[in-house]
Amino acid sequence: MCELSIISRGSRWILLDANAWELAQFGSEADALSAATDYIQESPAFVLVGGADGEWREERLEPQARH
């Protein structure tokens, strides 16, 4: 199960939690994926990405190293 989703809405990319609550908006898919690593709880995590073309895919993410 994916704990996060990213959807394209117009020119924005919306990061959603598992309950479909909006966490943040971004100008690019890459920015949204990068920010998603701050929210993941386990490694690896899978993020469901829905593009403007209507296609969905899963992306595997690893948490960012904390210093």
C-alpha atoms as a PDB file:
ATOM      1  CA  MET A   1       0.000   0.000   0.000  1.00  0.00           C
ATOM      2  CA  CYS A   2       1.205   3.507  -0.794  1.00  0.00           C
ATOM      3  CA  GLU A   3       1.374   5.890   2.119  1.00  0.00           C
ATOM      4  CA  LEU A   4       1.627   8.925  -0.165  1.00  0.00           C
ATOM      5  CA  SER A   5       0.294   9.976  -3.555  1.00  0.00           C
ATOM      6  CA  ILE A   6       1.257  12.708  -5.960  1.00  0.00           C
ATOM      7  CA  ILE A   7      -1.276  13.951  -8.485  1.00  0.00           C
ATOM      8  CA  SER A   8      -1.085  16.442 -11.302  1.00  0.00           C
ATOM      9  CA  ARG A   9      -3.684  19.207 -11.099  1.00  0.00           C
ATOM     10  CA  GLY A  10      -3.258  21.831 -13.780  1.00  0.00           C
ATOM     11  CA  SER A  11       0.319  23.071 -13.597  1.00  0.00           C
ATOM     12  CA  ARG A  12       0.734  21.979  -9.954  1.00  0.00           C
ATOM     13  CA  TRP A  13       1.769  18.673  -8.388  1.00  0.00           C
ATOM     14  CA  ILE A  14      -0.112  17.877  -5.171  1.00  0.00           C
ATOM     15  CA  LEU A  15       1.368  15.663  -2.429  1.00  0.00           C
ATOM     16  CA  LEU A  16      -1.352  13.728  -0.561  1.00  0.00           C
ATOM     17  CA  ASP A  17      -1.194  11.473   2.485  1.00  0.00           C
ATOM     18  CA  ALA A  18      -2.867   8.047   2.736  1.00  0.00           C
ATOM     19  CA  ASN A  19      -6.159   9.708   3.739  1.00  0.00           C
ATOM     20  CA  ALA A  20      -6.038  11.993   0.651  1.00  0.00           C
ATOM     21  CA  TRP A  21      -5.245  15.071   2.776  1.00  0.00           C
ATOM     22  CA  GLU A  22      -3.200  17.630   0.894  1.00  0.00           C
ATOM     23  CA  LEU A  23       0.279  18.020   2.381  1.00  0.00           C
ATOM     24  CA  ALA A  24       1.813  20.464  -0.103  1.00  0.00           C
ATOM     25  CA  GLN A  25       1.819  21.745  -3.691  1.00  0.00           C
ATOM     26  CA  PHE A  26       4.806  21.916  -6.030  1.00  0.00           C
ATOM     27  CA  GLY A  27       5.698  23.319  -9.426  1.00  0.00           C
ATOM     28  CA  SER A  28       7.142  20.040 -10.704  1.00  0.00           C
ATOM     29  CA  GLU A  29       6.812  16.314 -10.227  1.00  0.00           C
ATOM     30  CA  ALA A  30      10.503  16.115  -9.298  1.00  0.00           C
ATOM     31  CA  ASP A  31      10.026  18.656  -6.489  1.00  0.00           C
ATOM     32  CA  ALA A  32       7.017  16.737  -5.170  1.00  0.00           C
ATOM     33  CA  LEU A  33       8.928  13.426  -5.200  1.00  0.00           C
ATOM     34  CA  SER A  34      11.874  15.030  -3.434  1.00  0.00           C
ATOM     35  CA  ALA A  35       9.623  16.466  -0.725  1.00  0.00           C
ATOM     36  CA  ALA A  36       7.830  13.132  -0.299  1.00  0.00           C
ATOM     37  CA  THR A  37      10.987  11.664   1.223  1.00  0.00           C
ATOM     38  CA  ASP A  38      10.448  13.951   4.242  1.00  0.00           C
ATOM     39  CA  TYR A  39       7.102  12.264   4.929  1.00  0.00           C
ATOM     40  CA  ILE A  40       7.875   8.580   4.492  1.00  0.00           C
ATOM     41  CA  GLN A  41       7.992   6.450   7.626  1.00  0.00           C
ATOM     42  CA  GLU A  42       9.522   3.197   6.448  1.00  0.00           C
ATOM     43  CA  SER A  43      12.121   2.128   3.968  1.00  0.00           C
ATOM     44  CA  PRO A  44      11.505   1.582   1.164  1.00  0.00           C
ATOM     45  CA  ALA A  45       8.252   3.479   0.672  1.00  0.00           C
ATOM     46  CA  PHE A  46       6.117   3.552  -2.427  1.00  0.00           C
ATOM     47  CA  VAL A  47       4.449   6.678  -3.733  1.00  0.00           C
ATOM     48  CA  LEU A  48       1.606   6.500  -6.227  1.00  0.00           C
ATOM     49  CA  VAL A  49       2.043   9.123  -8.968  1.00  0.00           C
ATOM     50  CA  GLY A  50      -0.842  10.190 -11.203  1.00  0.00           C
ATOM     51  CA  GLY A  51       0.219  12.217 -14.201  1.00  0.00           C
ATOM     52  CA  ALA A  52      -1.669  14.719 -16.340  1.00  0.00           C
ATOM     53  CA  ASP A  53      -2.081  11.976 -18.966  1.00  0.00           C
ATOM     54  CA  GLY A  54      -4.236   9.924 -16.564  1.00  0.00           C
ATOM     55  CA  GLU A  55      -1.617   7.192 -16.170  1.00  0.00           C
ATOM     56  CA  TRP A  56      -0.616   5.972 -12.684  1.00  0.00           C
ATOM     57  CA  ARG A  57       2.680   4.449 -11.573  1.00  0.00           C
ATOM     58  CA  GLU A  58       4.476   3.595  -8.345  1.00  0.00           C
ATOM     59  CA  GLU A  59       7.790   5.195  -7.399  1.00  0.00           C
ATOM     60  CA  ARG A  60      10.061   3.630  -4.808  1.00  0.00           C
ATOM     61  CA  LEU A  61      11.571   6.139  -2.366  1.00  0.00           C
ATOM     62  CA  GLU A  62      14.168   5.887   0.360  1.00  0.00           C
ATOM     63  CA  PRO A  63      14.150   8.272   3.327  1.00  0.00           C
ATOM     64  CA  GLN A  64      16.712  11.059   3.261  1.00  0.00           C
ATOM     65  CA  ALA A  65      19.662  10.546   5.565  1.00  0.00           C
ATOM     66  CA  ARG A  66      19.365  12.627   8.736  1.00  0.00           C
ATOM     67  CA  HIS A  67      22.570  14.243   9.970  1.00  0.00           C
END
